Amino acid sequence: MALTNPPRAGGRYGTAAGTGALAAFLLVAVCGSPAYVGWAAGTDPTSAGGWFLQLLAWPAWRFDGGDASGGLLVANLRAVLLVILAVVFLYLLPATQVARVQGSASQFFSGWAAYVLAGGFASLLAAFLGPDPALLTAIQSAGTGATYGFLSGWIVGTASLGGRA
C-alpha cells in the first residue's frame, strides 16, 4: 500500500490550489484595476448589485503614486499581499489531503477560506506597513479585508473546483 496517492494521468489540468491562485490573481488584476474601480464607483451603493461591484474593487491598485499616502508601493501593497497570501494559503490549506474526490465541496470551501484569510491578513499587514500604522486601524482594516474575502472568496473557491486535488 502506497503512503501517497499515485500521480494522475492527464496532466492537462492544474491543481486545485493552482487554479484558485490564478482566479485570485485575475480577480485582483481585473476588479482592482483603475478602470474597474472608476466604473464601479459610478454604481448605486444602495443597491445590492452596486454594493457588490464596489466591494469587488476593494483591493484597488494603481500606477500613479504621487499622493501623500506613501507612494506607489504603499498604494499597491494591499493588492500585492492579497495575491501572495492567497497563493500561500491555497497551498497550505489541506485541500490536497481532504479533497480525495474530484470536485468535492472541500476544494470549494478550502479555496474560499484561503481567500478570506488572505483578505484579512493582507489588509492587516498593509495597515501595519503603511505610512501611519495604528493598532485600531489595522484591526478595522483586517475586518474589512475578511469581509471582502468572505463575500468574494466563492469565486476562488469555485475556481478551485476546476483543478485536481
Protein backbone atom coordinates (compact mmCIF):
# COMPACT_ATOMS: atom_id res chain seq x y z
CA MET A 1 0.00 0.00 0.00
CA ALA A 2 1.44 3.33 -1.00
CA LEU A 3 1.64 6.14 1.52
CA THR A 4 0.81 8.76 -1.07
CA ASN A 5 -1.68 8.98 -3.86
CA PRO A 6 -0.26 7.96 -7.22
CA PRO A 7 0.09 10.77 -9.76
CA ARG A 8 -2.90 11.01 -12.02
CA ALA A 9 -2.66 10.71 -15.75
CA GLY A 10 -3.82 13.63 -17.83
CA GLY A 11 -1.67 16.48 -16.60
CA ARG A 12 -3.57 18.94 -18.78
CA TYR A 13 -5.43 20.32 -15.78
CA GLY A 14 -3.89 22.27 -12.95
CA THR A 15 -4.15 21.60 -9.26
CA ALA A 16 -6.97 22.99 -7.15
CA ALA A 17 -4.51 25.38 -5.49
CA GLY A 18 -3.13 26.46 -8.87
CA THR A 19 -6.49 27.21 -10.42
CA GLY A 20 -7.55 29.01 -7.25
CA ALA A 21 -4.35 31.07 -7.32
CA LEU A 22 -4.99 32.02 -10.93
CA ALA A 23 -8.53 33.08 -10.04
CA ALA A 24 -7.26 35.18 -7.12
CA PHE A 25 -4.72 36.88 -9.37
CA LEU A 26 -7.33 37.59 -12.07
CA LEU A 27 -9.84 38.84 -9.50
CA VAL A 28 -7.34 41.35 -8.12
CA ALA A 29 -5.93 42.25 -11.55
CA VAL A 30 -9.31 42.90 -13.15
CA CYS A 31 -11.51 44.14 -10.30
CA GLY A 32 -8.73 46.13 -8.65
CA SER A 33 -7.70 47.86 -11.87
CA PRO A 34 -8.13 51.63 -12.13
CA ALA A 35 -10.62 51.20 -14.99
CA TYR A 36 -12.86 48.85 -13.00
CA VAL A 37 -12.56 50.90 -9.79
CA GLY A 38 -13.66 54.03 -11.67
CA TRP A 39 -16.54 52.19 -13.33
CA ALA A 40 -17.69 50.58 -10.05
CA ALA A 41 -17.64 53.95 -8.30
CA GLY A 42 -20.45 55.03 -10.63
CA THR A 43 -22.79 52.25 -9.49
CA ASP A 44 -25.50 52.73 -6.88
CA PRO A 45 -24.08 51.70 -3.49
CA THR A 46 -27.59 51.40 -2.01
CA SER A 47 -28.49 48.51 -4.32
CA ALA A 48 -27.17 45.01 -3.69
CA GLY A 49 -25.58 44.76 -7.13
CA GLY A 50 -23.89 48.14 -6.95
CA TRP A 51 -22.61 47.48 -3.45
CA PHE A 52 -21.16 44.12 -4.50
CA LEU A 53 -19.49 45.63 -7.58
CA GLN A 54 -17.88 48.26 -5.37
CA LEU A 55 -16.83 45.56 -2.89
CA LEU A 56 -15.02 43.71 -5.68
CA ALA A 57 -12.95 46.87 -6.24
CA TRP A 58 -11.58 46.77 -2.67
CA PRO A 59 -8.05 45.56 -3.48
CA ALA A 60 -7.57 48.58 -5.74
CA TRP A 61 -4.16 49.14 -7.26
CA ARG A 62 -2.93 51.97 -9.42
CA PHE A 63 0.01 53.17 -11.48
CA ASP A 64 0.34 56.68 -10.07
CA GLY A 65 1.76 57.03 -6.57
CA GLY A 66 2.06 60.78 -6.49
CA ASP A 67 -0.08 61.48 -3.43
CA ALA A 68 0.66 61.84 0.27
CA SER A 69 -0.20 58.20 1.08
CA GLY A 70 3.39 57.00 0.83
CA GLY A 71 3.91 56.29 -2.83
CA LEU A 72 3.25 53.56 -5.30
CA LEU A 73 4.37 50.61 -3.16
CA VAL A 74 2.15 51.52 -0.23
CA ALA A 75 -0.80 52.18 -2.52
CA ASN A 76 -0.48 48.74 -4.08
CA LEU A 77 0.72 46.83 -1.02
CA ARG A 78 -2.73 45.51 -0.11
CA ALA A 79 -3.37 44.14 -3.61
CA VAL A 80 0.09 42.56 -3.86
CA LEU A 81 -0.16 41.00 -0.40
CA LEU A 82 -3.65 39.70 -1.19
CA VAL A 83 -2.40 37.77 -4.21
CA ILE A 84 0.73 36.47 -2.46
CA LEU A 85 -1.13 35.40 0.68
CA ALA A 86 -3.94 33.83 -1.35
CA VAL A 87 -1.39 31.67 -3.15
CA VAL A 88 0.32 30.75 0.14
CA PHE A 89 -2.94 29.86 1.90
CA LEU A 90 -4.26 27.93 -1.09
CA TYR A 91 -1.18 25.73 -0.97
CA LEU A 92 -1.06 25.49 2.84
CA LEU A 93 -4.70 24.62 3.46
CA PRO A 94 -5.24 20.89 3.38
CA ALA A 95 -7.19 20.80 0.14
CA THR A 96 -4.95 18.10 -1.28
CA GLN A 97 -5.47 15.88 1.73
CA VAL A 98 -9.20 16.33 2.27
CA ALA A 99 -10.20 16.59 -1.37
CA ARG A 100 -9.74 12.98 -2.39
CA VAL A 101 -12.80 13.11 -4.62
CA GLN A 102 -12.55 15.27 -7.73
CA GLY A 103 -14.78 18.33 -7.50
CA SER A 104 -15.71 17.82 -3.87
CA ALA A 105 -17.08 20.52 -1.61
CA SER A 106 -13.86 20.51 0.41
CA GLN A 107 -11.96 22.03 -2.53
CA PHE A 108 -14.57 24.78 -2.76
CA PHE A 109 -14.50 25.61 0.94
CA SER A 110 -10.72 25.37 1.13
CA GLY A 111 -10.35 27.89 -1.72
CA TRP A 112 -12.96 30.16 -0.18
CA ALA A 113 -11.34 30.00 3.28
CA ALA A 114 -7.91 30.72 1.80
CA TYR A 115 -9.24 33.91 0.21
CA VAL A 116 -10.94 35.02 3.44
CA LEU A 117 -7.69 34.55 5.36
CA ALA A 118 -5.67 36.24 2.63
CA GLY A 119 -8.00 39.26 2.59
CA GLY A 120 -7.85 39.70 6.35
CA PHE A 121 -4.10 39.20 6.70
CA ALA A 122 -3.24 41.31 3.63
CA SER A 123 -5.27 44.20 4.96
CA LEU A 124 -3.80 43.83 8.44
CA LEU A 125 -0.22 43.74 7.16
CA ALA A 126 -0.78 46.61 4.74
CA ALA A 127 -2.15 48.75 7.59
CA PHE A 128 0.89 48.00 9.75
CA LEU A 129 3.34 48.57 6.89
CA GLY A 130 1.61 51.74 5.71
CA PRO A 131 2.59 55.32 6.43
CA ASP A 132 0.57 55.70 9.68
CA PRO A 133 0.42 52.31 11.43
CA ALA A 134 -2.06 52.06 14.30
CA LEU A 135 -3.50 49.02 16.03
CA LEU A 136 -7.14 50.12 15.78
CA THR A 137 -6.78 50.95 12.10
CA ALA A 138 -5.11 47.61 11.42
CA ILE A 139 -7.85 45.65 13.21
CA GLN A 140 -10.62 47.55 11.43
CA SER A 141 -8.82 47.07 8.14
CA ALA A 142 -8.48 43.33 8.79
CA GLY A 143 -12.24 43.15 9.33
CA THR A 144 -12.83 44.90 6.04
CA GLY A 145 -10.41 42.55 4.26
CA ALA A 146 -12.02 39.46 5.77
CA THR A 147 -15.45 40.75 4.73
CA TYR A 148 -14.17 41.22 1.19
CA GLY A 149 -12.69 37.71 1.23
CA PHE A 150 -15.89 36.18 2.60
CA LEU A 151 -18.16 37.82 0.04
CA SER A 152 -15.89 37.36 -2.98
CA GLY A 153 -14.00 34.21 -1.99
CA TRP A 154 -16.65 31.97 -3.51
CA ILE A 155 -15.15 32.91 -6.87
CA VAL A 156 -11.77 31.50 -5.85
CA GLY A 157 -13.50 28.50 -4.26
CA THR A 158 -15.38 27.80 -7.48
CA ALA A 159 -12.17 28.05 -9.48
CA SER A 160 -10.54 25.57 -7.10
CA LEU A 161 -13.15 23.03 -8.17
CA GLY A 162 -11.64 23.09 -11.64
CA GLY A 163 -8.34 21.55 -10.58
CA ARG A 164 -7.35 18.15 -9.37
CA ALA A 165 -6.69 17.58 -5.68
